[in-house]
Protein backbone atom coordinates (compact mmCIF):
# COMPACT_ATOMS: atom_id res chain seq x y z
CA MET A 1 -0.01 0.00 0.00
CA SER A 2 1.26 3.51 -0.80
CA SER A 3 2.10 6.02 1.95
CA ASP A 4 -1.10 7.89 1.04
CA GLY A 5 -3.04 4.66 1.44
CA GLN A 6 -1.44 4.00 4.83
CA VAL A 7 -2.47 7.46 6.04
CA LEU A 8 -6.04 7.01 4.87
CA SER A 9 -6.23 3.50 6.31
CA ALA A 10 -4.97 4.77 9.66
CA ARG A 11 -7.63 7.46 9.66
CA ARG A 12 -10.33 4.90 8.90
CA ALA A 13 -9.07 2.71 11.76
CA ARG A 14 -9.70 5.53 14.24
CA VAL A 15 -13.36 5.74 13.26
CA VAL A 16 -15.88 3.32 14.75
CA MET A 17 -17.27 1.34 11.81
CA THR A 18 -19.21 -1.81 11.16
CA LYS A 19 -17.30 -4.55 9.34
CA SER A 20 -19.24 -3.76 6.18
CA GLU A 21 -18.40 -0.05 6.37
CA TRP A 22 -14.75 -0.85 7.02
CA ALA A 23 -14.65 -3.30 4.09
CA TYR A 24 -16.26 -0.67 1.84
CA GLU A 25 -13.59 1.89 2.71
CA GLU A 26 -10.75 -0.61 2.32
CA VAL A 27 -11.84 -2.04 -1.04
CA ARG A 28 -12.70 1.41 -2.35
CA GLY A 29 -9.24 2.58 -1.32
CA MET A 30 -7.65 -0.40 -3.07
CA ILE A 31 -9.48 0.51 -6.28
CA LEU A 32 -8.59 4.19 -6.05
CA GLU A 33 -4.95 3.46 -5.22
CA GLY A 34 -4.65 0.97 -8.10
CA SER A 35 -3.96 -2.26 -6.23
CA LEU A 36 -7.25 -3.49 -7.70
CA LYS A 37 -6.93 -2.49 -11.33
CA PRO A 38 -9.71 -1.85 -13.89
CA GLY A 39 -10.72 -5.05 -15.66
CA ALA A 40 -9.39 -7.33 -12.91
CA THR A 41 -11.61 -10.18 -11.77
CA VAL A 42 -11.38 -10.89 -8.03
CA ASN A 43 -12.65 -13.86 -6.05
CA GLN A 44 -14.86 -12.60 -3.23
CA GLU A 45 -13.83 -15.29 -0.75
CA GLU A 46 -10.14 -14.68 -1.37
CA LEU A 47 -10.65 -10.93 -0.98
CA ALA A 48 -12.54 -11.46 2.29
CA ALA A 49 -9.75 -13.69 3.60
CA GLY A 50 -7.17 -11.09 2.66
CA LEU A 51 -9.09 -8.46 4.59
CA GLY A 52 -9.52 -10.78 7.57
CA ILE A 53 -13.32 -10.71 7.54
CA SER A 54 -16.12 -13.05 6.53
CA VAL A 55 -17.78 -12.93 3.12
CA THR A 56 -21.11 -11.56 4.42
CA PRO A 57 -19.96 -8.03 5.39
CA LEU A 58 -17.74 -7.94 2.31
CA ARG A 59 -20.70 -8.62 0.04
CA GLU A 60 -22.64 -5.79 1.66
CA ALA A 61 -19.70 -3.50 0.95
CA LEU A 62 -19.38 -4.75 -2.63
CA ARG A 63 -23.06 -4.15 -3.35
CA ARG A 64 -22.53 -0.53 -2.26
CA LEU A 65 -19.47 -0.23 -4.50
CA GLU A 66 -21.41 -1.74 -7.38
CA GLY A 67 -24.12 0.88 -6.91
CA GLU A 68 -21.44 3.58 -7.15
CA GLY A 69 -20.03 2.11 -10.36
CA PHE A 70 -16.73 0.85 -8.96
CA ALA A 71 -17.28 -2.84 -9.63
CA THR A 72 -19.66 -5.43 -11.06
CA LEU A 73 -20.67 -8.47 -9.00
CA ASN A 74 -20.75 -11.72 -10.95
CA ALA A 75 -22.97 -14.75 -10.37
CA HIS A 76 -20.01 -17.03 -9.62
CA ARG A 77 -18.92 -15.02 -6.55
CA THR A 78 -16.33 -12.91 -8.25
CA LEU A 79 -16.30 -9.22 -8.95
CA THR A 80 -14.89 -7.26 -11.87
CA ILE A 81 -13.32 -3.87 -11.30
CA ASN A 82 -14.94 -1.39 -13.67
CA GLY A 83 -12.91 0.87 -15.94
CA LEU A 84 -13.55 4.56 -16.53
CA SER A 85 -16.53 5.31 -18.76
CA ALA A 86 -17.11 8.48 -20.76
CA GLN A 87 -20.88 7.93 -20.47
CA GLU A 88 -20.76 7.52 -16.69
CA LEU A 89 -18.66 10.68 -16.47
CA GLU A 90 -21.21 12.64 -18.52
CA ASP A 91 -24.11 11.30 -16.44
CA VAL A 92 -22.51 12.14 -13.10
CA TYR A 93 -21.41 15.62 -14.12
CA ALA A 94 -24.76 16.43 -15.74
CA MET A 95 -26.21 16.06 -12.25
CA ARG A 96 -23.39 17.94 -10.54
CA LEU A 97 -23.69 20.88 -12.94
CA LEU A 98 -27.24 21.27 -11.69
CA LEU A 99 -26.85 20.44 -8.00
CA ASP A 100 -23.49 21.93 -7.00
CA PRO A 101 -24.55 25.48 -7.97
CA LEU A 102 -27.82 24.96 -6.10
CA ALA A 103 -25.96 23.79 -2.99
CA VAL A 104 -23.57 26.74 -2.92
CA SER A 105 -26.42 29.18 -3.52
CA LEU A 106 -28.33 27.76 -0.56
CA ALA A 107 -25.15 27.84 1.53
CA THR A 108 -24.79 31.59 1.07
CA GLN A 109 -28.32 32.00 2.42
CA ARG A 110 -28.41 29.44 5.22
CA MET A 111 -24.89 28.91 6.56
CA THR A 112 -23.80 29.82 10.05
CA GLU A 113 -20.71 31.93 10.68
CA ASP A 114 -18.88 28.81 11.84
CA GLN A 115 -19.71 27.04 8.59
CA ALA A 116 -18.51 30.03 6.58
CA ALA A 117 -15.23 29.98 8.50
CA ILE A 118 -14.79 26.24 7.83
CA ILE A 119 -15.35 26.71 4.09
CA THR A 120 -12.76 29.50 4.00
CA ARG A 121 -10.26 27.49 6.04
CA LEU A 122 -10.60 24.45 3.75
CA ALA A 123 -10.23 26.62 0.64
CA LYS A 124 -6.96 28.00 2.01
CA ALA A 125 -5.60 24.60 3.07
CA ARG A 126 -2.77 23.14 1.01
CA PRO A 127 -2.58 19.46 1.99
CA ARG A 128 0.77 17.72 1.77
CA GLY A 129 0.78 14.30 0.19
CA GLY A 130 0.07 12.40 -2.97
CA PRO A 131 -3.03 12.26 -5.18
CA THR A 132 -5.29 10.44 -2.70
CA VAL A 133 -4.58 13.01 0.03
CA VAL A 134 -5.28 15.87 -2.39
CA LEU A 135 -8.46 14.13 -3.53
CA ALA A 136 -9.67 13.78 0.07
CA ALA A 137 -9.00 17.47 0.77
CA ASN A 138 -10.84 18.49 -2.38
CA ARG A 139 -13.84 16.45 -1.33
CA GLU A 140 -13.76 17.88 2.19
CA PHE A 141 -14.09 21.41 0.81
CA HIS A 142 -17.11 20.53 -1.30
CA ARG A 143 -18.69 18.58 1.55
CA ALA A 144 -18.44 21.65 3.76
CA VAL A 145 -20.31 23.66 1.12
CA TYR A 146 -22.97 20.96 0.82
CA ALA A 147 -23.44 20.77 4.58
CA ALA A 148 -23.86 24.54 4.77
CA SER A 149 -26.76 24.32 2.30
CA GLY A 150 -28.91 22.98 5.12
CA ASN A 151 -30.54 20.45 2.76
CA SER A 152 -29.78 16.91 3.88
CA PHE A 153 -31.30 15.26 0.81
CA LEU A 154 -29.21 17.43 -1.51
CA THR A 155 -26.10 16.72 0.57
CA ARG A 156 -26.60 12.94 0.41
CA THR A 157 -27.23 13.02 -3.34
CA LEU A 158 -24.11 15.05 -4.01
CA ASP A 159 -22.06 12.81 -1.74
CA GLN A 160 -23.14 9.80 -3.83
CA LEU A 161 -22.19 11.63 -7.02
CA TRP A 162 -18.78 12.42 -5.57
CA SER A 163 -18.24 8.78 -4.67
CA ALA A 164 -19.09 7.74 -8.23
CA ALA A 165 -16.65 10.24 -9.73
CA ASP A 166 -13.67 9.90 -7.37
CA ARG A 167 -11.89 7.54 -9.77
CA TYR A 168 -12.06 10.13 -12.53
CA ARG A 169 -10.75 12.99 -10.40
CA LEU A 170 -7.98 10.77 -9.02
CA ALA A 171 -6.88 9.86 -12.55
CA LEU A 172 -6.78 13.56 -13.42
CA ILE A 173 -4.77 14.51 -10.33
CA THR A 174 -2.38 11.60 -10.82
CA GLU A 175 -1.62 12.36 -14.47
CA HIS A 176 -1.96 16.14 -14.42
CA GLY A 177 -1.05 17.34 -10.94
CA SER A 178 -0.62 20.88 -12.23
CA VAL A 179 -4.41 21.33 -12.28
CA ILE A 180 -4.37 21.48 -8.48
CA THR A 181 -3.06 25.06 -8.51
CA ARG A 182 -6.01 26.14 -10.62
CA VAL A 183 -8.47 24.13 -8.52
CA ASP A 184 -7.15 25.77 -5.35
CA ALA A 185 -7.61 29.21 -6.89
CA GLU A 186 -11.19 28.38 -7.91
CA HIS A 187 -11.95 27.11 -4.40
CA MET A 188 -10.75 30.43 -2.98
CA GLU A 189 -12.98 32.38 -5.38
CA ILE A 190 -15.97 30.28 -4.39
CA ALA A 191 -15.19 30.62 -0.67
CA GLU A 192 -14.91 34.40 -0.96
CA ALA A 193 -18.27 34.63 -2.72
CA VAL A 194 -19.83 32.37 -0.09
CA ALA A 195 -18.34 34.38 2.79
CA SER A 196 -19.73 37.57 1.20
CA ARG A 197 -23.11 35.83 0.79
CA HIS A 198 -23.20 36.63 -2.94
CA ALA A 199 -25.47 33.80 -4.06
CA ALA A 200 -25.49 34.52 -7.80
CA GLN A 201 -21.71 34.93 -7.97
CA ALA A 202 -21.07 31.78 -5.91
CA GLU A 203 -23.49 29.82 -8.11
CA ALA A 204 -21.77 31.00 -11.33
CA LEU A 205 -18.29 30.25 -9.96
CA MET A 206 -19.31 26.77 -8.86
CA ARG A 207 -20.88 25.98 -12.22
CA LYS A 208 -17.69 27.08 -13.98
CA HIS A 209 -15.54 25.08 -11.52
CA VAL A 210 -17.48 21.84 -12.06
CA GLY A 211 -17.64 22.36 -15.83
CA THR A 212 -13.90 22.99 -16.08
CA THR A 213 -13.13 19.80 -14.17
CA LEU A 214 -15.45 17.87 -16.50
CA ASP A 215 -13.62 19.24 -19.54
CA TRP A 216 -10.23 18.28 -18.10
CA ILE A 217 -11.34 14.72 -17.37
CA LYS A 218 -12.94 14.34 -20.82
CA GLU A 219 -9.66 15.41 -22.41
CA LEU A 220 -7.84 12.83 -20.30
CA LEU A 221 -10.18 10.02 -21.33
CA GLU A 222 -9.94 11.01 -24.99
CA ALA A 223 -6.15 11.00 -24.77
CA ARG A 224 -6.20 7.54 -23.22
CA ALA A 225 -8.53 6.24 -25.91
């Protein structure tokens, strides 16, 4: 496991989880970090043994990962790790282009001063580490915006969309780390608009931010093809 993976695994170990939740985080991390590669077929019983758990909680975790597009469960108790899909990317980001601007607009209207301070702090943060650490920090910023919207249904929906698209963002960060500087700058612009409670400006900046990321990832997939 990479040093980034060890840090994330250590963080997960400090959180009280069910076996299924723990298995979900571990297998998801293995997919994101590349130890379970796209196209690989994995025996569920062997994977459970390697994780030191029984098959039952693993299968619960795998069903969740299947729902997020990470893997496909097969009838003969194996799973196949899914590759990146241009159609899935378009579908996920079509939703985010609608919902992220809504969330940030609501945040400017409903957030507490503490929530505004958290959003600003996360926008200013410059995490040290590899792609998975940067990915986690990026997600934490957006989660703070979603939470400040005060709409729990919207927050849960966007969290699911983030989970489905993490593989795409990680591929982008891994191959084109220079985009992080621009992402950080866009986060600061969004945070400043949120702190000033300028709903229309924050909404426009968020839509541009999400759309730019989509364009970058599409270019990456086209180059790989």
